[in-house]
Full PDB file with SEQRES, HELIX, SHEET, SSBOND, CRYST1, ORIGX, SCALE, CONECT and MASTER records, all heavy atoms in Angstrom:
SEQRES   1 A   38  ARG TRP THR ASP ILE ILE SER PHE THR ILE ASN MET GLU          
SEQRES   2 A   38  GLN ILE GLY ASP THR VAL GLU ARG VAL LEU LEU ASP ILE          
SEQRES   3 A   38  GLU GLU LYS LYS ILE ARG LYS GLY ARG GLU PHE SER              
HELIX    1 AA1 TRP A    2  ILE A   26  1                                  25    
HELIX    2 AA2 GLU A   27  ILE A   31  3                                   5    
CRYST1    1.000    1.000    1.000  90.00  90.00  90.00 P 1           1          
ORIGX1      1.000000  0.000000  0.000000        0.00000                         
ORIGX2      0.000000  1.000000  0.000000        0.00000                         
ORIGX3      0.000000  0.000000  1.000000        0.00000                         
SCALE1      1.000000  0.000000  0.000000        0.00000                         
SCALE2      0.000000  1.000000  0.000000        0.00000                         
SCALE3      0.000000  0.000000  1.000000        0.00000                         
ATOM      1  N   ARG A   1     143.678  88.330  16.290  1.00  0.00           N  
ATOM      2  CA  ARG A   1     142.373  87.686  16.161  1.00  0.00           C  
ATOM      3  C   ARG A   1     142.549  86.342  15.421  1.00  0.00           C  
ATOM      4  O   ARG A   1     141.903  85.356  15.747  1.00  0.00           O  
ATOM      5  CB  ARG A   1     141.399  88.596  15.412  1.00  0.00           C  
ATOM      6  CG  ARG A   1     139.984  88.088  15.328  1.00  0.00           C  
ATOM      7  CD  ARG A   1     139.404  87.882  16.710  1.00  0.00           C  
ATOM      8  NE  ARG A   1     137.963  87.582  16.667  1.00  0.00           N  
ATOM      9  CZ  ARG A   1     137.279  87.063  17.618  1.00  0.00           C  
ATOM     10  NH1 ARG A   1     137.908  86.732  18.764  1.00  0.00           N  
ATOM     11  NH2 ARG A   1     136.001  86.829  17.535  1.00  0.00           N  
ATOM     12  N   TRP A   2     143.407  86.366  14.429  1.00  0.00           N  
ATOM     13  CA  TRP A   2     143.684  85.111  13.646  1.00  0.00           C  
ATOM     14  C   TRP A   2     144.182  84.036  14.610  1.00  0.00           C  
ATOM     15  O   TRP A   2     143.742  82.911  14.571  1.00  0.00           O  
ATOM     16  CB  TRP A   2     144.762  85.455  12.634  1.00  0.00           C  
ATOM     17  CG  TRP A   2     145.055  84.361  11.614  1.00  0.00           C  
ATOM     18  CD1 TRP A   2     144.560  84.248  10.384  1.00  0.00           C  
ATOM     19  CD2 TRP A   2     145.983  83.266  11.773  1.00  0.00           C  
ATOM     20  NE1 TRP A   2     145.106  83.130   9.726  1.00  0.00           N  
ATOM     21  CE2 TRP A   2     145.962  82.528  10.583  1.00  0.00           C  
ATOM     22  CE3 TRP A   2     146.792  82.843  12.810  1.00  0.00           C  
ATOM     23  CZ2 TRP A   2     146.763  81.388  10.417  1.00  0.00           C  
ATOM     24  CZ3 TRP A   2     147.591  81.714  12.676  1.00  0.00           C  
ATOM     25  CH2 TRP A   2     147.557  80.989  11.439  1.00  0.00           C  
ATOM     26  N   THR A   3     145.109  84.419  15.530  1.00  0.00           N  
ATOM     27  CA  THR A   3     145.653  83.487  16.475  1.00  0.00           C  
ATOM     28  C   THR A   3     144.597  83.027  17.457  1.00  0.00           C  
ATOM     29  O   THR A   3     144.531  81.863  17.863  1.00  0.00           O  
ATOM     30  CB  THR A   3     146.846  84.117  17.217  1.00  0.00           C  
ATOM     31  OG1 THR A   3     147.806  84.579  16.302  1.00  0.00           O  
ATOM     32  CG2 THR A   3     147.481  83.147  18.165  1.00  0.00           C  
ATOM     33  N   ASP A   4     143.724  83.989  17.898  1.00  0.00           N  
ATOM     34  CA  ASP A   4     142.661  83.641  18.849  1.00  0.00           C  
ATOM     35  C   ASP A   4     141.719  82.592  18.226  1.00  0.00           C  
ATOM     36  O   ASP A   4     141.285  81.703  18.957  1.00  0.00           O  
ATOM     37  CB  ASP A   4     141.882  84.880  19.195  1.00  0.00           C  
ATOM     38  CG  ASP A   4     142.657  85.871  20.067  1.00  0.00           C  
ATOM     39  OD1 ASP A   4     143.754  85.474  20.574  1.00  0.00           O  
ATOM     40  OD2 ASP A   4     142.221  87.043  20.194  1.00  0.00           O  
ATOM     41  N   ILE A   5     141.399  82.747  16.963  1.00  0.00           N  
ATOM     42  CA  ILE A   5     140.472  81.783  16.319  1.00  0.00           C  
ATOM     43  C   ILE A   5     141.080  80.406  16.223  1.00  0.00           C  
ATOM     44  O   ILE A   5     140.407  79.374  16.519  1.00  0.00           O  
ATOM     45  CB  ILE A   5     140.081  82.299  14.912  1.00  0.00           C  
ATOM     46  CG1 ILE A   5     139.319  83.634  14.998  1.00  0.00           C  
ATOM     47  CG2 ILE A   5     139.238  81.263  14.173  1.00  0.00           C  
ATOM     48  CD1 ILE A   5     139.104  84.310  13.684  1.00  0.00           C  
ATOM     49  N   ILE A   6     142.356  80.356  15.878  1.00  0.00           N  
ATOM     50  CA  ILE A   6     143.042  79.046  15.826  1.00  0.00           C  
ATOM     51  C   ILE A   6     143.034  78.391  17.212  1.00  0.00           C  
ATOM     52  O   ILE A   6     142.738  77.196  17.342  1.00  0.00           O  
ATOM     53  CB  ILE A   6     144.503  79.214  15.369  1.00  0.00           C  
ATOM     54  CG1 ILE A   6     144.537  79.485  13.809  1.00  0.00           C  
ATOM     55  CG2 ILE A   6     145.338  77.998  15.669  1.00  0.00           C  
ATOM     56  CD1 ILE A   6     144.229  78.271  12.998  1.00  0.00           C  
ATOM     57  N   SER A   7     143.382  79.158  18.234  1.00  0.00           N  
ATOM     58  CA  SER A   7     143.408  78.626  19.595  1.00  0.00           C  
ATOM     59  C   SER A   7     142.007  78.134  20.037  1.00  0.00           C  
ATOM     60  O   SER A   7     141.860  77.082  20.662  1.00  0.00           O  
ATOM     61  CB  SER A   7     143.915  79.713  20.547  1.00  0.00           C  
ATOM     62  OG  SER A   7     143.868  79.274  21.896  1.00  0.00           O  
ATOM     63  N   PHE A   8     141.009  78.923  19.724  1.00  0.00           N  
ATOM     64  CA  PHE A   8     139.641  78.592  20.086  1.00  0.00           C  
ATOM     65  C   PHE A   8     139.172  77.317  19.439  1.00  0.00           C  
ATOM     66  O   PHE A   8     138.607  76.399  20.096  1.00  0.00           O  
ATOM     67  CB  PHE A   8     138.711  79.742  19.709  1.00  0.00           C  
ATOM     68  CG  PHE A   8     137.244  79.534  20.042  1.00  0.00           C  
ATOM     69  CD1 PHE A   8     136.796  79.839  21.323  1.00  0.00           C  
ATOM     70  CD2 PHE A   8     136.358  79.063  19.107  1.00  0.00           C  
ATOM     71  CE1 PHE A   8     135.461  79.645  21.681  1.00  0.00           C  
ATOM     72  CE2 PHE A   8     135.002  78.874  19.443  1.00  0.00           C  
ATOM     73  CZ  PHE A   8     134.584  79.185  20.702  1.00  0.00           C  
ATOM     74  N   THR A   9     139.420  77.152  18.149  1.00  0.00           N  
ATOM     75  CA  THR A   9     138.989  75.956  17.440  1.00  0.00           C  
ATOM     76  C   THR A   9     139.747  74.704  17.908  1.00  0.00           C  
ATOM     77  O   THR A   9     139.177  73.625  17.970  1.00  0.00           O  
ATOM     78  CB  THR A   9     139.189  76.137  15.917  1.00  0.00           C  
ATOM     79  OG1 THR A   9     140.550  76.475  15.638  1.00  0.00           O  
ATOM     80  CG2 THR A   9     138.250  77.192  15.366  1.00  0.00           C  
ATOM     81  N   ILE A  10     141.011  74.871  18.284  1.00  0.00           N  
ATOM     82  CA  ILE A  10     141.785  73.730  18.804  1.00  0.00           C  
ATOM     83  C   ILE A  10     141.129  73.278  20.122  1.00  0.00           C  
ATOM     84  O   ILE A  10     140.955  72.082  20.348  1.00  0.00           O  
ATOM     85  CB  ILE A  10     143.250  74.122  19.018  1.00  0.00           C  
ATOM     86  CG1 ILE A  10     143.942  74.294  17.654  1.00  0.00           C  
ATOM     87  CG2 ILE A  10     143.977  73.061  19.882  1.00  0.00           C  
ATOM     88  CD1 ILE A  10     145.388  74.828  17.766  1.00  0.00           C  
ATOM     89  N   ASN A  11     140.815  74.230  20.975  1.00  0.00           N  
ATOM     90  CA  ASN A  11     140.172  73.882  22.258  1.00  0.00           C  
ATOM     91  C   ASN A  11     138.830  73.201  22.060  1.00  0.00           C  
ATOM     92  O   ASN A  11     138.499  72.226  22.719  1.00  0.00           O  
ATOM     93  CB  ASN A  11     140.004  75.152  23.129  1.00  0.00           C  
ATOM     94  CG  ASN A  11     141.327  75.532  23.804  1.00  0.00           C  
ATOM     95  OD1 ASN A  11     141.985  74.759  24.472  1.00  0.00           O  
ATOM     96  ND2 ASN A  11     141.717  76.807  23.632  1.00  0.00           N  
ATOM     97  N   MET A  12     138.031  73.691  21.094  1.00  0.00           N  
ATOM     98  CA  MET A  12     136.756  73.084  20.869  1.00  0.00           C  
ATOM     99  C   MET A  12     136.929  71.675  20.319  1.00  0.00           C  
ATOM    100  O   MET A  12     136.178  70.742  20.675  1.00  0.00           O  
ATOM    101  CB  MET A  12     135.952  73.937  19.836  1.00  0.00           C  
ATOM    102  CG  MET A  12     135.485  75.247  20.350  1.00  0.00           C  
ATOM    103  SD  MET A  12     134.378  75.144  21.801  1.00  0.00           S  
ATOM    104  CE  MET A  12     135.494  75.772  23.077  1.00  0.00           C  
ATOM    105  N   GLU A  13     137.928  71.471  19.470  1.00  0.00           N  
ATOM    106  CA  GLU A  13     138.165  70.125  18.906  1.00  0.00           C  
ATOM    107  C   GLU A  13     138.577  69.167  20.013  1.00  0.00           C  
ATOM    108  O   GLU A  13     138.127  67.983  20.047  1.00  0.00           O  
ATOM    109  CB  GLU A  13     139.270  70.210  17.843  1.00  0.00           C  
ATOM    110  CG  GLU A  13     139.426  68.955  16.986  1.00  0.00           C  
ATOM    111  CD  GLU A  13     140.469  68.033  17.563  1.00  0.00           C  
ATOM    112  OE1 GLU A  13     141.288  68.508  18.328  1.00  0.00           O  
ATOM    113  OE2 GLU A  13     140.461  66.836  17.213  1.00  0.00           O  
ATOM    114  N   GLN A  14     139.419  69.645  20.951  1.00  0.00           N  
ATOM    115  CA  GLN A  14     139.817  68.739  22.048  1.00  0.00           C  
ATOM    116  C   GLN A  14     138.691  68.500  23.014  1.00  0.00           C  
ATOM    117  O   GLN A  14     138.627  67.379  23.581  1.00  0.00           O  
ATOM    118  CB  GLN A  14     141.032  69.400  22.749  1.00  0.00           C  
ATOM    119  CG  GLN A  14     142.284  69.446  21.865  1.00  0.00           C  
ATOM    120  CD  GLN A  14     143.434  70.139  22.543  1.00  0.00           C  
ATOM    121  OE1 GLN A  14     143.300  70.901  23.470  1.00  0.00           O  
ATOM    122  NE2 GLN A  14     144.652  69.860  22.023  1.00  0.00           N  
ATOM    123  N   ILE A  15     137.827  69.472  23.215  1.00  0.00           N  
ATOM    124  CA  ILE A  15     136.652  69.237  24.091  1.00  0.00           C  
ATOM    125  C   ILE A  15     135.746  68.182  23.430  1.00  0.00           C  
ATOM    126  O   ILE A  15     135.233  67.285  24.112  1.00  0.00           O  
ATOM    127  CB  ILE A  15     135.836  70.554  24.284  1.00  0.00           C  
ATOM    128  CG1 ILE A  15     136.677  71.493  25.146  1.00  0.00           C  
ATOM    129  CG2 ILE A  15     134.510  70.253  24.919  1.00  0.00           C  
ATOM    130  CD1 ILE A  15     136.061  72.870  25.285  1.00  0.00           C  
ATOM    131  N   GLY A  16     135.561  68.294  22.116  1.00  0.00           N  
ATOM    132  CA  GLY A  16     134.736  67.295  21.390  1.00  0.00           C  
ATOM    133  C   GLY A  16     135.314  65.900  21.567  1.00  0.00           C  
ATOM    134  O   GLY A  16     134.521  64.928  21.808  1.00  0.00           O  
ATOM    135  N   ASP A  17     136.615  65.770  21.445  1.00  0.00           N  
ATOM    136  CA  ASP A  17     137.263  64.441  21.635  1.00  0.00           C  
ATOM    137  C   ASP A  17     137.051  63.906  23.032  1.00  0.00           C  
ATOM    138  O   ASP A  17     136.766  62.717  23.244  1.00  0.00           O  
ATOM    139  CB  ASP A  17     138.758  64.538  21.330  1.00  0.00           C  
ATOM    140  CG  ASP A  17     139.067  64.777  19.871  1.00  0.00           C  
ATOM    141  OD1 ASP A  17     138.142  64.539  19.038  1.00  0.00           O  
ATOM    142  OD2 ASP A  17     140.167  65.197  19.555  1.00  0.00           O  
ATOM    143  N   THR A  18     137.165  64.809  24.053  1.00  0.00           N  
ATOM    144  CA  THR A  18     136.972  64.379  25.443  1.00  0.00           C  
ATOM    145  C   THR A  18     135.535  63.945  25.711  1.00  0.00           C  
ATOM    146  O   THR A  18     135.264  62.947  26.361  1.00  0.00           O  
ATOM    147  CB  THR A  18     137.367  65.500  26.398  1.00  0.00           C  
ATOM    148  OG1 THR A  18     138.718  65.945  26.101  1.00  0.00           O  
ATOM    149  CG2 THR A  18     137.319  65.027  27.843  1.00  0.00           C  
ATOM    150  N   VAL A  19     134.563  64.707  25.181  1.00  0.00           N  
ATOM    151  CA  VAL A  19     133.142  64.334  25.388  1.00  0.00           C  
ATOM    152  C   VAL A  19     132.861  63.006  24.712  1.00  0.00           C  
ATOM    153  O   VAL A  19     132.119  62.176  25.258  1.00  0.00           O  
ATOM    154  CB  VAL A  19     132.255  65.460  24.827  1.00  0.00           C  
ATOM    155  CG1 VAL A  19     130.772  65.015  24.885  1.00  0.00           C  
ATOM    156  CG2 VAL A  19     132.399  66.763  25.600  1.00  0.00           C  
ATOM    157  N   GLU A  20     133.449  62.805  23.543  1.00  0.00           N  
ATOM    158  CA  GLU A  20     133.216  61.476  22.865  1.00  0.00           C  
ATOM    159  C   GLU A  20     133.767  60.383  23.777  1.00  0.00           C  
ATOM    160  O   GLU A  20     133.121  59.310  23.873  1.00  0.00           O  
ATOM    161  CB  GLU A  20     133.933  61.510  21.500  1.00  0.00           C  
ATOM    162  CG  GLU A  20     133.731  60.200  20.737  1.00  0.00           C  
ATOM    163  CD  GLU A  20     134.579  60.134  19.483  1.00  0.00           C  
ATOM    164  OE1 GLU A  20     135.646  60.763  19.431  1.00  0.00           O  
ATOM    165  OE2 GLU A  20     134.156  59.416  18.539  1.00  0.00           O  
ATOM    166  N   ARG A  21     134.893  60.594  24.380  1.00  0.00           N  
ATOM    167  CA  ARG A  21     135.492  59.542  25.237  1.00  0.00           C  
ATOM    168  C   ARG A  21     134.627  59.315  26.460  1.00  0.00           C  
ATOM    169  O   ARG A  21     134.404  58.171  26.912  1.00  0.00           O  
ATOM    170  CB  ARG A  21     136.901  59.907  25.615  1.00  0.00           C  
ATOM    171  CG  ARG A  21     137.655  58.855  26.412  1.00  0.00           C  
ATOM    172  CD  ARG A  21     139.092  59.160  26.579  1.00  0.00           C  
ATOM    173  NE  ARG A  21     139.333  60.382  27.318  1.00  0.00           N  
ATOM    174  CZ  ARG A  21     139.817  61.475  26.807  1.00  0.00           C  
ATOM    175  NH1 ARG A  21     140.053  61.554  25.508  1.00  0.00           N  
ATOM    176  NH2 ARG A  21     139.995  62.595  27.541  1.00  0.00           N  
ATOM    177  N   VAL A  22     134.031  60.406  27.020  1.00  0.00           N  
ATOM    178  CA  VAL A  22     133.159  60.283  28.188  1.00  0.00           C  
ATOM    179  C   VAL A  22     131.894  59.485  27.823  1.00  0.00           C  
ATOM    180  O   VAL A  22     131.503  58.582  28.571  1.00  0.00           O  
ATOM    181  CB  VAL A  22     132.789  61.694  28.740  1.00  0.00           C  
ATOM    182  CG1 VAL A  22     131.624  61.582  29.707  1.00  0.00           C  
ATOM    183  CG2 VAL A  22     133.974  62.354  29.368  1.00  0.00           C  
ATOM    184  N   LEU A  23     131.341  59.761  26.680  1.00  0.00           N  
ATOM    185  CA  LEU A  23     130.141  59.078  26.240  1.00  0.00           C  
ATOM    186  C   LEU A  23     130.428  57.578  26.024  1.00  0.00           C  
ATOM    187  O   LEU A  23     129.601  56.700  26.325  1.00  0.00           O  
ATOM    188  CB  LEU A  23     129.618  59.697  24.967  1.00  0.00           C  
ATOM    189  CG  LEU A  23     128.969  61.084  25.158  1.00  0.00           C  
ATOM    190  CD1 LEU A  23     128.753  61.739  23.775  1.00  0.00           C  
ATOM    191  CD2 LEU A  23     127.627  61.000  25.890  1.00  0.00           C  
ATOM    192  N   LEU A  24     131.599  57.300  25.449  1.00  0.00           N  
ATOM    193  CA  LEU A  24     131.938  55.901  25.223  1.00  0.00           C  
ATOM    194  C   LEU A  24     132.129  55.139  26.548  1.00  0.00           C  
ATOM    195  O   LEU A  24     131.692  53.982  26.690  1.00  0.00           O  
ATOM    196  CB  LEU A  24     133.248  55.842  24.447  1.00  0.00           C  
ATOM    197  CG  LEU A  24     133.650  54.502  23.821  1.00  0.00           C  
ATOM    198  CD1 LEU A  24     132.539  54.018  22.849  1.00  0.00           C  
ATOM    199  CD2 LEU A  24     134.967  54.623  23.071  1.00  0.00           C  
ATOM    200  N   ASP A  25     132.734  55.802  27.533  1.00  0.00           N  
ATOM    201  CA  ASP A  25     132.835  55.204  28.881  1.00  0.00           C  
ATOM    202  C   ASP A  25     131.498  54.951  29.501  1.00  0.00           C  
ATOM    203  O   ASP A  25     131.256  53.903  30.133  1.00  0.00           O  
ATOM    204  CB  ASP A  25     133.704  56.101  29.783  1.00  0.00           C  
ATOM    205  CG  ASP A  25     135.180  56.065  29.463  1.00  0.00           C  
ATOM    206  OD1 ASP A  25     135.582  55.131  28.730  1.00  0.00           O  
ATOM    207  OD2 ASP A  25     135.913  56.922  29.926  1.00  0.00           O  
ATOM    208  N   ILE A  26     130.579  55.897  29.358  1.00  0.00           N  
ATOM    209  CA  ILE A  26     129.219  55.746  29.883  1.00  0.00           C  
ATOM    210  C   ILE A  26     128.507  54.525  29.267  1.00  0.00           C  
ATOM    211  O   ILE A  26     127.859  53.740  29.939  1.00  0.00           O  
ATOM    212  CB  ILE A  26     128.385  57.036  29.703  1.00  0.00           C  
ATOM    213  CG1 ILE A  26     128.998  58.165  30.528  1.00  0.00           C  
ATOM    214  CG2 ILE A  26     126.936  56.816  30.059  1.00  0.00           C  
ATOM    215  CD1 ILE A  26     128.397  59.535  30.242  1.00  0.00           C  
ATOM    216  N   GLU A  27     128.712  54.402  27.946  1.00  0.00           N  
ATOM    217  CA  GLU A  27     128.102  53.255  27.235  1.00  0.00           C  
ATOM    218  C   GLU A  27     128.637  51.927  27.800  1.00  0.00           C  
ATOM    219  O   GLU A  27     127.852  51.025  28.136  1.00  0.00           O  
ATOM    220  CB  GLU A  27     128.378  53.341  25.754  1.00  0.00           C  
ATOM    221  CG  GLU A  27     127.621  54.439  25.003  1.00  0.00           C  
ATOM    222  CD  GLU A  27     127.957  54.447  23.516  1.00  0.00           C  
ATOM    223  OE1 GLU A  27     128.168  53.341  22.989  1.00  0.00           O  
ATOM    224  OE2 GLU A  27     128.043  55.509  22.952  1.00  0.00           O  
ATOM    225  N   GLU A  28     129.947  51.851  27.871  1.00  0.00           N  
ATOM    226  CA  GLU A  28     130.601  50.562  28.175  1.00  0.00           C  
ATOM    227  C   GLU A  28     130.565  50.233  29.687  1.00  0.00           C  
ATOM    228  O   GLU A  28     130.341  49.069  30.043  1.00  0.00           O  
ATOM    229  CB  GLU A  28     132.068  50.596  27.713  1.00  0.00           C  
ATOM    230  CG  GLU A  28     132.199  50.688  26.205  1.00  0.00           C  
ATOM    231  CD  GLU A  28     133.640  50.731  25.782  1.00  0.00           C  
ATOM    232  OE1 GLU A  28     134.513  50.869  26.630  1.00  0.00           O  
ATOM    233  OE2 GLU A  28     133.888  50.616  24.525  1.00  0.00           O  
ATOM    234  N   LYS A  29     130.705  51.233  30.557  1.00  0.00           N  
ATOM    235  CA  LYS A  29     130.835  50.992  31.963  1.00  0.00           C  
ATOM    236  C   LYS A  29     129.552  51.155  32.759  1.00  0.00           C  
ATOM    237  O   LYS A  29     129.494  50.771  33.951  1.00  0.00           O  
ATOM    238  CB  LYS A  29     131.920  51.882  32.583  1.00  0.00           C  
ATOM    239  CG  LYS A  29     133.304  51.651  31.963  1.00  0.00           C  
ATOM    240  CD  LYS A  29     134.349  52.595  32.560  1.00  0.00           C  
ATOM    241  CE  LYS A  29     135.703  52.379  31.903  1.00  0.00           C  
ATOM    242  NZ  LYS A  29     136.725  53.321  32.456  1.00  0.00           N  
ATOM    243  N   LYS A  30     128.556  51.769  32.147  1.00  0.00           N  
ATOM    244  CA  LYS A  30     127.282  52.011  32.887  1.00  0.00           C  
ATOM    245  C   LYS A  30     126.075  51.431  32.199  1.00  0.00           C  
ATOM    246  O   LYS A  30     125.332  50.547  32.736  1.00  0.00           O  
ATOM    247  CB  LYS A  30     127.075  53.513  33.097  1.00  0.00           C  
ATOM    248  CG  LYS A  30     125.774  53.870  33.863  1.00  0.00           C  
ATOM    249  CD  LYS A  30     125.588  55.363  34.014  1.00  0.00           C  
ATOM    250  CE  LYS A  30     124.406  55.671  34.891  1.00  0.00           C  
ATOM    251  NZ  LYS A  30     123.133  55.245  34.266  1.00  0.00           N  
ATOM    252  N   ILE A  31     125.832  51.891  30.915  1.00  0.00           N  
ATOM    253  CA  ILE A  31     124.614  51.458  30.261  1.00  0.00           C  
ATOM    254  C   ILE A  31     124.611  49.979  29.956  1.00  0.00           C  
ATOM    255  O   ILE A  31     123.639  49.244  30.301  1.00  0.00           O  
ATOM    256  CB  ILE A  31     124.399  52.287  28.952  1.00  0.00           C  
ATOM    257  CG1 ILE A  31     124.291  53.820  29.290  1.00  0.00           C  
ATOM    258  CG2 ILE A  31     123.159  51.796  28.204  1.00  0.00           C  
ATOM    259  CD1 ILE A  31     124.163  54.669  28.079  1.00  0.00           C  
ATOM    260  N   ARG A  32     125.664  49.488  29.316  1.00  0.00           N  
ATOM    261  CA  ARG A  32     125.679  48.096  28.901  1.00  0.00           C  
ATOM    262  C   ARG A  32     125.766  47.166  30.122  1.00  0.00           C  
ATOM    263  O   ARG A  32     125.317  46.001  30.044  1.00  0.00           O  
ATOM    264  CB  ARG A  32     126.839  47.829  27.950  1.00  0.00           C  
ATOM    265  CG  ARG A  32     126.735  48.620  26.661  1.00  0.00           C  
ATOM    266  CD  ARG A  32     127.811  48.197  25.656  1.00  0.00           C  
ATOM    267  NE  ARG A  32     127.823  49.094  24.500  1.00  0.00           N  
ATOM    268  CZ  ARG A  32     126.979  49.018  23.459  1.00  0.00           C  
ATOM    269  NH1 ARG A  32     126.062  48.053  23.461  1.00  0.00           N  
ATOM    270  NH2 ARG A  32     127.088  49.861  22.450  1.00  0.00           N  
ATOM    271  N   LYS A  33     126.313  47.622  31.266  1.00  0.00           N  
ATOM    272  CA  LYS A  33     126.467  46.799  32.455  1.00  0.00           C  
ATOM    273  C   LYS A  33     125.297  47.003  33.436  1.00  0.00           C  
ATOM    274  O   LYS A  33     125.289  46.383  34.524  1.00  0.00           O  
ATOM    275  CB  LYS A  33     127.773  47.063  33.151  1.00  0.00           C  
ATOM    276  CG  LYS A  33     128.966  46.598  32.317  1.00  0.00           C  
ATOM    277  CD  LYS A  33     130.285  46.738  33.048  1.00  0.00           C  
ATOM    278  CE  LYS A  33     131.463  46.188  32.220  1.00  0.00           C  
ATOM    279  NZ  LYS A  33     132.748  46.336  32.943  1.00  0.00           N  
ATOM    280  N   GLY A  34     124.378  47.901  33.065  1.00  0.00           N  
ATOM    281  CA  GLY A  34     123.217  48.139  33.933  1.00  0.00           C  
ATOM    282  C   GLY A  34     123.505  48.719  35.294  1.00  0.00           C  
ATOM    283  O   GLY A  34     122.831  48.420  36.283  1.00  0.00           O  
ATOM    284  N   ARG A  35     124.499  49.550  35.423  1.00  0.00           N  
ATOM    285  CA  ARG A  35     124.893  50.153  36.673  1.00  0.00           C  
ATOM    286  C   ARG A  35     124.302  51.551  36.826  1.00  0.00           C  
ATOM    287  O   ARG A  35     123.983  52.215  35.819  1.00  0.00           O  
ATOM    288  CB  ARG A  35     126.424  50.207  36.827  1.00  0.00           C  
ATOM    289  CG  ARG A  35     127.046  48.822  36.908  1.00  0.00           C  
ATOM    290  CD  ARG A  35     128.526  48.867  36.850  1.00  0.00           C  
ATOM    291  NE  ARG A  35     129.160  47.567  36.969  1.00  0.00           N  
ATOM    292  CZ  ARG A  35     130.439  47.308  36.806  1.00  0.00           C  
ATOM    293  NH1 ARG A  35     131.264  48.323  36.478  1.00  0.00           N  
ATOM    294  NH2 ARG A  35     130.905  46.110  36.975  1.00  0.00           N  
ATOM    295  N   GLU A  36     124.203  52.060  38.075  1.00  0.00           N  
ATOM    296  CA  GLU A  36     123.654  53.356  38.348  1.00  0.00           C  
ATOM    297  C   GLU A  36     124.592  54.079  39.320  1.00  0.00           C  
ATOM    298  O   GLU A  36     125.216  53.449  40.181  1.00  0.00           O  
ATOM    299  CB  GLU A  36     122.256  53.244  38.967  1.00  0.00           C  
ATOM    300  CG  GLU A  36     121.206  52.633  38.045  1.00  0.00           C  
ATOM    301  CD  GLU A  36     120.880  53.488  36.844  1.00  0.00           C  
ATOM    302  OE1 GLU A  36     121.151  54.754  36.927  1.00  0.00           O  
ATOM    303  OE2 GLU A  36     120.418  52.979  35.854  1.00  0.00           O  
ATOM    304  N   PHE A  37     124.639  55.402  39.201  1.00  0.00           N  
ATOM    305  CA  PHE A  37     125.357  56.212  40.176  1.00  0.00           C  
ATOM    306  C   PHE A  37     124.518  56.329  41.436  1.00  0.00           C  
ATOM    307  O   PHE A  37     123.283  56.275  41.403  1.00  0.00           O  
ATOM    308  CB  PHE A  37     125.631  57.619  39.614  1.00  0.00           C  
ATOM    309  CG  PHE A  37     126.656  57.670  38.534  1.00  0.00           C  
ATOM    310  CD1 PHE A  37     126.324  57.978  37.209  1.00  0.00           C  
ATOM    311  CD2 PHE A  37     127.966  57.396  38.832  1.00  0.00           C  
ATOM    312  CE1 PHE A  37     127.297  58.009  36.240  1.00  0.00           C  
ATOM    313  CE2 PHE A  37     128.958  57.415  37.840  1.00  0.00           C  
ATOM    314  CZ  PHE A  37     128.598  57.729  36.545  1.00  0.00           C  
ATOM    315  N   SER A  38     125.227  56.558  42.522  1.00  0.00           N  
ATOM    316  CA  SER A  38     124.478  56.850  43.749  1.00  0.00           C  
ATOM    317  C   SER A  38     123.823  58.233  43.630  1.00  0.00           C  
ATOM    318  O   SER A  38     124.191  59.035  42.797  1.00  0.00           O  
ATOM    319  CB  SER A  38     125.442  56.853  44.936  1.00  0.00           C  
ATOM    320  OG  SER A  38     126.407  57.935  44.822  1.00  0.00           O  
TER     321      SER A  38                                                      
MASTER        0    0    0    2    0    0    0    6  320    1    0    3          
END                                                                             
C-alpha cells in the first residue's frame, strides 16, 4: 500500500503538470490569438 500511494501521487503530479501545459497552450495558441476549433 505504501508503494501504491507513492505511485498514485507521482501519477497525479504528472497529470497536473500536463494539464498546466495544456492550459498554457490554450492561452497562447487559441485565446490570445482569437482562434476557434471547428
